[in-house]
Amino acid sequence: MWCSVFHSKKLLYPSEKTFLKLIRRIIGFTPRNRELYQLALVHKSVSFSIFNDFSINNERLEYLGDAVLDAIVAEYLFNKFPGKDEGFLTQMRSKIVNRENLNHIAIKLGIPNIIKTKLASENHKSLYGDALEALIGALYLDKGFKRTRNVVLERIMYNHVNLSKLQDTEIDFKSRIIEWGQKNKKDVSFTSFEEQSDNHTIFVSHLIIVDEVAGRGVGSSKKEAEQNAARQALEIIDE
């Protein structure tokens, strides 16, 4: 259904030539099924305004791209670090595919210039990273796993991922603050809830230490919001 809707909507990009030029800069070649790639770059916030009564957006492709990216990165790390254990490989994969890192990579690739959204990026920091995952999902459907793996490795891993730097980067702030609480005999807990912002659901978490709010975090998931709240609290503690 969505393919026929896309064919009737010429307003997505000024011209097919413009779109193909923009997408070629990101993936390195001209796509075969351009509608898939257009869909990957349509955020939920503009879905109804573009497609009237149809809720057509990149969320399903994001779900698929997330799984494909995880598999590619896991295989890459497995071969890159033959002497490392499961814990190390899992931590490294998390550092590569976490929303903050993916968002940073997506910006470098130029996704802000091509995504369709009504949201402000400063309030939705995972916006571009989510679109990158959706684009990987589109690439997988269009070209298959082997070609997708080559693109991810050549365009993302080799150019925008510094493994040495990531090894020294901490991302599991929640575990660290819990360990701090245990060591200092202080109760640490989280309260999380959902909010609607620009017709988009976000999660807000408060980190509570001995009945006082010590950190506040926002994210596209409860897990991300808790990590951000823990990071804020740790920054205050470290000071």
C-alpha atoms as a PDB file:
ATOM      1  CA  MET A   1       0.000   0.000   0.000  1.00  0.00           C
ATOM      2  CA  TRP A   2       2.666   2.500   1.030  1.00  0.00           C
ATOM      3  CA  CYS A   3       4.529   2.139  -2.294  1.00  0.00           C
ATOM      4  CA  SER A   4       1.520   3.413  -4.229  1.00  0.00           C
ATOM      5  CA  VAL A   5       1.132   6.275  -1.761  1.00  0.00           C
ATOM      6  CA  PHE A   6       4.785   7.218  -2.203  1.00  0.00           C
ATOM      7  CA  HIS A   7       4.399   7.272  -5.981  1.00  0.00           C
ATOM      8  CA  SER A   8       1.602   9.818  -5.638  1.00  0.00           C
ATOM      9  CA  LYS A   9       3.545  12.091  -3.256  1.00  0.00           C
ATOM     10  CA  LYS A  10       6.011  14.198  -5.212  1.00  0.00           C
ATOM     11  CA  LEU A  11       6.411  16.652  -2.316  1.00  0.00           C
ATOM     12  CA  LEU A  12       8.849  14.512  -0.324  1.00  0.00           C
ATOM     13  CA  TYR A  13      11.855  15.867  -2.198  1.00  0.00           C
ATOM     14  CA  PRO A  14      12.171  18.548  -4.890  1.00  0.00           C
ATOM     15  CA  SER A  15      12.987  15.904  -7.480  1.00  0.00           C
ATOM     16  CA  GLU A  16      13.961  12.271  -7.748  1.00  0.00           C
ATOM     17  CA  LYS A  17      17.385  13.394  -8.921  1.00  0.00           C
ATOM     18  CA  THR A  18      17.881  15.471  -5.754  1.00  0.00           C
ATOM     19  CA  PHE A  19      16.859  12.619  -3.502  1.00  0.00           C
ATOM     20  CA  LEU A  20      19.100  10.102  -5.253  1.00  0.00           C
ATOM     21  CA  LYS A  21      22.045  12.488  -4.976  1.00  0.00           C
ATOM     22  CA  LEU A  22      21.503  12.902  -1.237  1.00  0.00           C
ATOM     23  CA  ILE A  23      21.068   9.197  -0.541  1.00  0.00           C
ATOM     24  CA  ARG A  24      24.072   8.295  -2.718  1.00  0.00           C
ATOM     25  CA  ARG A  25      26.288  10.420  -0.469  1.00  0.00           C
ATOM     26  CA  ILE A  26      25.237   8.327   2.511  1.00  0.00           C
ATOM     27  CA  ILE A  27      25.239   4.749   1.202  1.00  0.00           C
ATOM     28  CA  GLY A  28      27.701   5.140  -1.658  1.00  0.00           C
ATOM     29  CA  PHE A  29      25.523   4.039  -4.588  1.00  0.00           C
ATOM     30  CA  THR A  30      22.200   4.673  -6.309  1.00  0.00           C
ATOM     31  CA  PRO A  31      19.421   2.651  -4.665  1.00  0.00           C
ATOM     32  CA  ARG A  32      17.201   0.349  -6.652  1.00  0.00           C
ATOM     33  CA  ASN A  33      14.020   0.672  -4.606  1.00  0.00           C
ATOM     34  CA  ARG A  34      14.015   4.382  -3.820  1.00  0.00           C
ATOM     35  CA  GLU A  35      10.612   4.259  -2.051  1.00  0.00           C
ATOM     36  CA  LEU A  36      12.124   2.103   0.704  1.00  0.00           C
ATOM     37  CA  TYR A  37      14.816   4.685   1.356  1.00  0.00           C
ATOM     38  CA  GLN A  38      12.302   7.532   1.339  1.00  0.00           C
ATOM     39  CA  LEU A  39      10.220   5.671   3.886  1.00  0.00           C
ATOM     40  CA  ALA A  40      13.301   5.201   6.080  1.00  0.00           C
ATOM     41  CA  LEU A  41      13.616   8.966   6.323  1.00  0.00           C
ATOM     42  CA  VAL A  42       9.999   9.809   7.194  1.00  0.00           C
ATOM     43  CA  HIS A  43       9.619  10.358  10.926  1.00  0.00           C
ATOM     44  CA  LYS A  44       6.346   9.657  12.696  1.00  0.00           C
ATOM     45  CA  SER A  45       5.882  13.376  13.404  1.00  0.00           C
ATOM     46  CA  VAL A  46       5.242  14.166   9.714  1.00  0.00           C
ATOM     47  CA  SER A  47       3.515  10.950   8.708  1.00  0.00           C
ATOM     48  CA  PHE A  48      -0.068  12.188   8.731  1.00  0.00           C
ATOM     49  CA  SER A  49       0.739  15.622   7.317  1.00  0.00           C
ATOM     50  CA  ILE A  50       2.376  14.021   4.262  1.00  0.00           C
ATOM     51  CA  PHE A  51       0.149  11.019   3.767  1.00  0.00           C
ATOM     52  CA  ASN A  52      -3.181  12.387   5.058  1.00  0.00           C
ATOM     53  CA  ASP A  53      -5.043   9.440   6.588  1.00  0.00           C
ATOM     54  CA  PHE A  54      -2.127   7.001   6.363  1.00  0.00           C
ATOM     55  CA  SER A  55       0.249   6.470   9.278  1.00  0.00           C
ATOM     56  CA  ILE A  56       3.335   5.751   7.209  1.00  0.00           C
ATOM     57  CA  ASN A  57       6.725   6.259   8.840  1.00  0.00           C
ATOM     58  CA  ASN A  58      10.130   4.695   9.446  1.00  0.00           C
ATOM     59  CA  GLU A  59       9.438   2.896  12.747  1.00  0.00           C
ATOM     60  CA  ARG A  60       9.156  -0.621  11.269  1.00  0.00           C
ATOM     61  CA  LEU A  61      12.323  -0.137   9.216  1.00  0.00           C
ATOM     62  CA  GLU A  62      14.075   1.169  12.331  1.00  0.00           C
ATOM     63  CA  TYR A  63      13.125  -2.032  14.156  1.00  0.00           C
ATOM     64  CA  LEU A  64      14.538  -4.145  11.323  1.00  0.00           C
ATOM     65  CA  GLY A  65      17.662  -2.032  10.910  1.00  0.00           C
ATOM     66  CA  ASP A  66      18.395  -2.232  14.626  1.00  0.00           C
ATOM     67  CA  ALA A  67      18.501  -6.048  14.460  1.00  0.00           C
ATOM     68  CA  VAL A  68      20.585  -6.083  11.267  1.00  0.00           C
ATOM     69  CA  LEU A  69      23.073  -3.556  12.661  1.00  0.00           C
ATOM     70  CA  ASP A  70      23.439  -5.574  15.869  1.00  0.00           C
ATOM     71  CA  ALA A  71      24.268  -8.695  13.853  1.00  0.00           C
ATOM     72  CA  ILE A  72      26.823  -6.902  11.660  1.00  0.00           C
ATOM     73  CA  VAL A  73      28.583  -5.234  14.584  1.00  0.00           C
ATOM     74  CA  ALA A  74      28.581  -8.470  16.615  1.00  0.00           C
ATOM     75  CA  GLU A  75      30.226 -10.388  13.763  1.00  0.00           C
ATOM     76  CA  TYR A  76      32.736  -7.597  13.173  1.00  0.00           C
ATOM     77  CA  LEU A  77      33.793  -7.499  16.833  1.00  0.00           C
ATOM     78  CA  PHE A  78      33.900 -11.292  17.049  1.00  0.00           C
ATOM     79  CA  ASN A  79      36.485 -11.353  14.252  1.00  0.00           C
ATOM     80  CA  LYS A  80      38.296  -8.190  15.344  1.00  0.00           C
ATOM     81  CA  PHE A  81      38.921  -9.345  18.929  1.00  0.00           C
ATOM     82  CA  PRO A  82      39.470 -13.137  18.873  1.00  0.00           C
ATOM     83  CA  GLY A  83      40.959 -13.166  22.372  1.00  0.00           C
ATOM     84  CA  LYS A  84      38.234 -11.192  24.142  1.00  0.00           C
ATOM     85  CA  ASP A  85      35.402 -12.715  26.162  1.00  0.00           C
ATOM     86  CA  GLU A  86      31.644 -12.294  25.793  1.00  0.00           C
ATOM     87  CA  GLY A  87      31.468  -9.482  28.330  1.00  0.00           C
ATOM     88  CA  PHE A  88      33.975  -7.333  26.457  1.00  0.00           C
ATOM     89  CA  LEU A  89      32.287  -7.960  23.084  1.00  0.00           C
ATOM     90  CA  THR A  90      28.850  -7.136  24.495  1.00  0.00           C
ATOM     91  CA  GLN A  91      30.106  -3.890  26.039  1.00  0.00           C
ATOM     92  CA  MET A  92      31.828  -2.829  22.825  1.00  0.00           C
ATOM     93  CA  ARG A  93      28.743  -3.542  20.748  1.00  0.00           C
ATOM     94  CA  SER A  94      26.637  -1.496  23.159  1.00  0.00           C
ATOM     95  CA  LYS A  95      29.046   1.414  22.863  1.00  0.00           C
ATOM     96  CA  ILE A  96      28.887   1.327  19.060  1.00  0.00           C
ATOM     97  CA  VAL A  97      25.112   1.001  18.664  1.00  0.00           C
ATOM     98  CA  ASN A  98      23.961   3.169  21.582  1.00  0.00           C
ATOM     99  CA  ARG A  99      21.697   6.036  20.554  1.00  0.00           C
ATOM    100  CA  GLU A 100      24.163   8.825  21.313  1.00  0.00           C
ATOM    101  CA  ASN A 101      26.892   7.298  19.177  1.00  0.00           C
ATOM    102  CA  LEU A 102      24.537   6.433  16.306  1.00  0.00           C
ATOM    103  CA  ASN A 103      23.143   9.951  16.374  1.00  0.00           C
ATOM    104  CA  HIS A 104      26.656  11.373  16.120  1.00  0.00           C
ATOM    105  CA  ILE A 105      27.466   9.083  13.169  1.00  0.00           C
ATOM    106  CA  ALA A 106      24.179   9.928  11.435  1.00  0.00           C
ATOM    107  CA  ILE A 107      24.954  13.641  11.634  1.00  0.00           C
ATOM    108  CA  LYS A 108      28.381  13.043  10.085  1.00  0.00           C
ATOM    109  CA  LEU A 109      26.767  11.069   7.275  1.00  0.00           C
ATOM    110  CA  GLY A 110      24.421  13.946   6.452  1.00  0.00           C
ATOM    111  CA  ILE A 111      21.108  12.454   7.561  1.00  0.00           C
ATOM    112  CA  PRO A 112      19.906  15.802   9.026  1.00  0.00           C
ATOM    113  CA  ASN A 113      19.886  17.114   5.448  1.00  0.00           C
ATOM    114  CA  ILE A 114      17.536  14.421   4.207  1.00  0.00           C
ATOM    115  CA  ILE A 115      15.209  13.366   7.038  1.00  0.00           C
ATOM    116  CA  LYS A 116      11.593  14.529   7.127  1.00  0.00           C
ATOM    117  CA  THR A 117      10.527  15.510  10.656  1.00  0.00           C
ATOM    118  CA  LYS A 118       8.770  18.192  12.652  1.00  0.00           C
ATOM    119  CA  LEU A 119      10.797  17.563  15.790  1.00  0.00           C
ATOM    120  CA  ALA A 120      13.656  19.671  17.100  1.00  0.00           C
ATOM    121  CA  SER A 121      16.814  17.561  17.286  1.00  0.00           C
ATOM    122  CA  GLU A 122      17.943  19.148  20.551  1.00  0.00           C
ATOM    123  CA  ASN A 123      14.872  17.708  22.283  1.00  0.00           C
ATOM    124  CA  HIS A 124      15.022  14.325  20.563  1.00  0.00           C
ATOM    125  CA  LYS A 125      18.665  13.383  20.464  1.00  0.00           C
ATOM    126  CA  SER A 126      18.052   9.902  19.053  1.00  0.00           C
ATOM    127  CA  LEU A 127      16.178  11.257  16.023  1.00  0.00           C
ATOM    128  CA  TYR A 128      18.975  10.945  13.484  1.00  0.00           C
ATOM    129  CA  GLY A 129      20.342   7.688  14.893  1.00  0.00           C
ATOM    130  CA  ASP A 130      16.881   6.138  14.604  1.00  0.00           C
ATOM    131  CA  ALA A 131      16.723   7.240  10.964  1.00  0.00           C
ATOM    132  CA  LEU A 132      20.136   5.684  10.348  1.00  0.00           C
ATOM    133  CA  GLU A 133      18.857   2.353  11.646  1.00  0.00           C
ATOM    134  CA  ALA A 134      15.775   2.667   9.430  1.00  0.00           C
ATOM    135  CA  LEU A 135      18.051   3.341   6.467  1.00  0.00           C
ATOM    136  CA  ILE A 136      19.988   0.157   7.264  1.00  0.00           C
ATOM    137  CA  GLY A 137      16.667  -1.691   7.349  1.00  0.00           C
ATOM    138  CA  ALA A 138      15.782  -0.330   3.916  1.00  0.00           C
ATOM    139  CA  LEU A 139      19.196  -1.286   2.594  1.00  0.00           C
ATOM    140  CA  TYR A 140      18.765  -4.833   3.908  1.00  0.00           C
ATOM    141  CA  LEU A 141      15.392  -5.239   2.174  1.00  0.00           C
ATOM    142  CA  ASP A 142      16.720  -3.728  -1.040  1.00  0.00           C
ATOM    143  CA  LYS A 143      20.144  -5.386  -1.307  1.00  0.00           C
ATOM    144  CA  GLY A 144      20.284  -8.244   1.218  1.00  0.00           C
ATOM    145  CA  PHE A 145      22.545  -8.904   4.182  1.00  0.00           C
ATOM    146  CA  LYS A 146      25.905  -9.218   2.396  1.00  0.00           C
ATOM    147  CA  ARG A 147      25.669  -5.854   0.626  1.00  0.00           C
ATOM    148  CA  THR A 148      24.296  -4.207   3.769  1.00  0.00           C
ATOM    149  CA  ARG A 149      27.193  -5.561   5.818  1.00  0.00           C
ATOM    150  CA  ASN A 150      29.700  -4.173   3.315  1.00  0.00           C
ATOM    151  CA  VAL A 151      28.069  -0.734   3.397  1.00  0.00           C
ATOM    152  CA  VAL A 152      27.916  -0.649   7.216  1.00  0.00           C
ATOM    153  CA  LEU A 153      31.555  -1.674   7.525  1.00  0.00           C
ATOM    154  CA  GLU A 154      32.895   0.616   4.811  1.00  0.00           C
ATOM    155  CA  ARG A 155      30.717   3.688   5.388  1.00  0.00           C
ATOM    156  CA  ILE A 156      30.266   3.501   9.171  1.00  0.00           C
ATOM    157  CA  MET A 157      32.662   1.212  11.021  1.00  0.00           C
ATOM    158  CA  TYR A 158      35.862   2.040   9.147  1.00  0.00           C
ATOM    159  CA  ASN A 159      35.191   5.775   8.811  1.00  0.00           C
ATOM    160  CA  HIS A 160      33.318   6.787  11.960  1.00  0.00           C
ATOM    161  CA  VAL A 161      34.037   4.281  14.747  1.00  0.00           C
ATOM    162  CA  ASN A 162      37.218   4.639  16.794  1.00  0.00           C
ATOM    163  CA  LEU A 163      37.502   1.327  18.639  1.00  0.00           C
ATOM    164  CA  SER A 164      40.465   2.415  20.736  1.00  0.00           C
ATOM    165  CA  LYS A 165      38.612   5.479  21.971  1.00  0.00           C
ATOM    166  CA  LEU A 166      35.421   3.514  22.611  1.00  0.00           C
ATOM    167  CA  GLN A 167      37.264   1.018  24.805  1.00  0.00           C
ATOM    168  CA  ASP A 168      37.967   3.880  27.222  1.00  0.00           C
ATOM    169  CA  THR A 169      34.422   5.265  27.018  1.00  0.00           C
ATOM    170  CA  GLU A 170      31.921   4.453  29.745  1.00  0.00           C
ATOM    171  CA  ILE A 171      28.247   4.072  28.831  1.00  0.00           C
ATOM    172  CA  ASP A 172      26.769   1.991  31.650  1.00  0.00           C
ATOM    173  CA  PHE A 173      26.198   4.888  34.037  1.00  0.00           C
ATOM    174  CA  LYS A 174      23.274   3.117  35.722  1.00  0.00           C
ATOM    175  CA  SER A 175      25.431   0.236  36.937  1.00  0.00           C
ATOM    176  CA  ARG A 176      28.092   2.647  38.127  1.00  0.00           C
ATOM    177  CA  ILE A 177      25.674   4.752  40.197  1.00  0.00           C
ATOM    178  CA  ILE A 178      24.167   1.627  41.748  1.00  0.00           C
ATOM    179  CA  GLU A 179      27.645   0.411  42.692  1.00  0.00           C
ATOM    180  CA  TRP A 180      28.383   3.860  44.143  1.00  0.00           C
ATOM    181  CA  GLY A 181      25.225   3.651  46.260  1.00  0.00           C
ATOM    182  CA  GLN A 182      26.129   0.212  47.563  1.00  0.00           C
ATOM    183  CA  LYS A 183      29.655   1.323  48.422  1.00  0.00           C
ATOM    184  CA  ASN A 184      28.455   4.456  50.223  1.00  0.00           C
ATOM    185  CA  LYS A 185      25.415   2.761  51.822  1.00  0.00           C
ATOM    186  CA  LYS A 186      22.920   5.066  50.106  1.00  0.00           C
ATOM    187  CA  ASP A 187      19.614   3.975  48.585  1.00  0.00           C
ATOM    188  CA  VAL A 188      19.514   4.526  44.808  1.00  0.00           C
ATOM    189  CA  SER A 189      16.318   4.163  42.787  1.00  0.00           C
ATOM    190  CA  PHE A 190      14.711   5.355  39.544  1.00  0.00           C
ATOM    191  CA  THR A 191      11.236   6.661  38.763  1.00  0.00           C
ATOM    192  CA  SER A 192      10.254   6.791  35.099  1.00  0.00           C
ATOM    193  CA  PHE A 193       7.209   7.998  33.192  1.00  0.00           C
ATOM    194  CA  GLU A 194       6.108   8.832  29.659  1.00  0.00           C
ATOM    195  CA  GLU A 195       5.442  12.297  28.247  1.00  0.00           C
ATOM    196  CA  GLN A 196       4.056  13.516  24.941  1.00  0.00           C
ATOM    197  CA  SER A 197       6.249  16.011  23.134  1.00  0.00           C
ATOM    198  CA  ASP A 198       5.410  17.245  19.629  1.00  0.00           C
ATOM    199  CA  ASN A 199       3.091  14.242  19.151  1.00  0.00           C
ATOM    200  CA  HIS A 200       5.969  11.966  20.072  1.00  0.00           C
ATOM    201  CA  THR A 201       6.362   9.824  23.186  1.00  0.00           C
ATOM    202  CA  ILE A 202       9.475  10.383  25.282  1.00  0.00           C
ATOM    203  CA  PHE A 203      10.570   8.843  28.575  1.00  0.00           C
ATOM    204  CA  VAL A 204      11.647  10.873  31.600  1.00  0.00           C
ATOM    205  CA  SER A 205      13.548   9.302  34.500  1.00  0.00           C
ATOM    206  CA  HIS A 206      14.489  10.710  37.878  1.00  0.00           C
ATOM    207  CA  LEU A 207      17.361   9.236  39.865  1.00  0.00           C
ATOM    208  CA  ILE A 208      16.544   9.253  43.556  1.00  0.00           C
ATOM    209  CA  ILE A 209      19.301   9.125  46.189  1.00  0.00           C
ATOM    210  CA  VAL A 210      18.040   9.022  49.786  1.00  0.00           C
ATOM    211  CA  ASP A 211      14.650  10.552  48.858  1.00  0.00           C
ATOM    212  CA  GLU A 212      16.160  13.393  46.819  1.00  0.00           C
ATOM    213  CA  VAL A 213      16.277  13.809  43.038  1.00  0.00           C
ATOM    214  CA  ALA A 214      19.944  13.640  42.065  1.00  0.00           C
ATOM    215  CA  GLY A 215      19.595  13.365  38.312  1.00  0.00           C
ATOM    216  CA  ARG A 216      17.063  13.747  35.506  1.00  0.00           C
ATOM    217  CA  GLY A 217      17.258  12.061  32.114  1.00  0.00           C
ATOM    218  CA  VAL A 218      15.215  12.065  28.903  1.00  0.00           C
ATOM    219  CA  GLY A 219      15.288   9.452  26.165  1.00  0.00           C
ATOM    220  CA  SER A 220      13.363   7.618  23.488  1.00  0.00           C
ATOM    221  CA  SER A 221      13.246   4.579  25.800  1.00  0.00           C
ATOM    222  CA  LYS A 222      13.087   4.019  29.552  1.00  0.00           C
ATOM    223  CA  LYS A 223      16.573   2.505  29.484  1.00  0.00           C
ATOM    224  CA  GLU A 224      18.058   5.525  27.701  1.00  0.00           C
ATOM    225  CA  ALA A 225      16.339   7.952  30.082  1.00  0.00           C
ATOM    226  CA  GLU A 226      17.669   6.090  33.135  1.00  0.00           C
ATOM    227  CA  GLN A 227      21.200   6.083  31.726  1.00  0.00           C
ATOM    228  CA  ASN A 228      21.011   9.834  31.126  1.00  0.00           C
ATOM    229  CA  ALA A 229      19.699  10.449  34.652  1.00  0.00           C
ATOM    230  CA  ALA A 230      22.514   8.347  36.107  1.00  0.00           C
ATOM    231  CA  ARG A 231      25.099  10.172  34.017  1.00  0.00           C
ATOM    232  CA  GLN A 232      23.869  13.555  35.253  1.00  0.00           C
ATOM    233  CA  ALA A 233      24.043  12.396  38.865  1.00  0.00           C
ATOM    234  CA  LEU A 234      27.558  11.010  38.416  1.00  0.00           C
ATOM    235  CA  GLU A 235      28.750  14.302  36.920  1.00  0.00           C
ATOM    236  CA  ILE A 236      27.559  16.073  40.062  1.00  0.00           C
ATOM    237  CA  ILE A 237      29.124  13.447  42.348  1.00  0.00           C
ATOM    238  CA  ASP A 238      32.451  13.574  40.480  1.00  0.00           C
ATOM    239  CA  GLU A 239      32.551  17.348  40.895  1.00  0.00           C
END
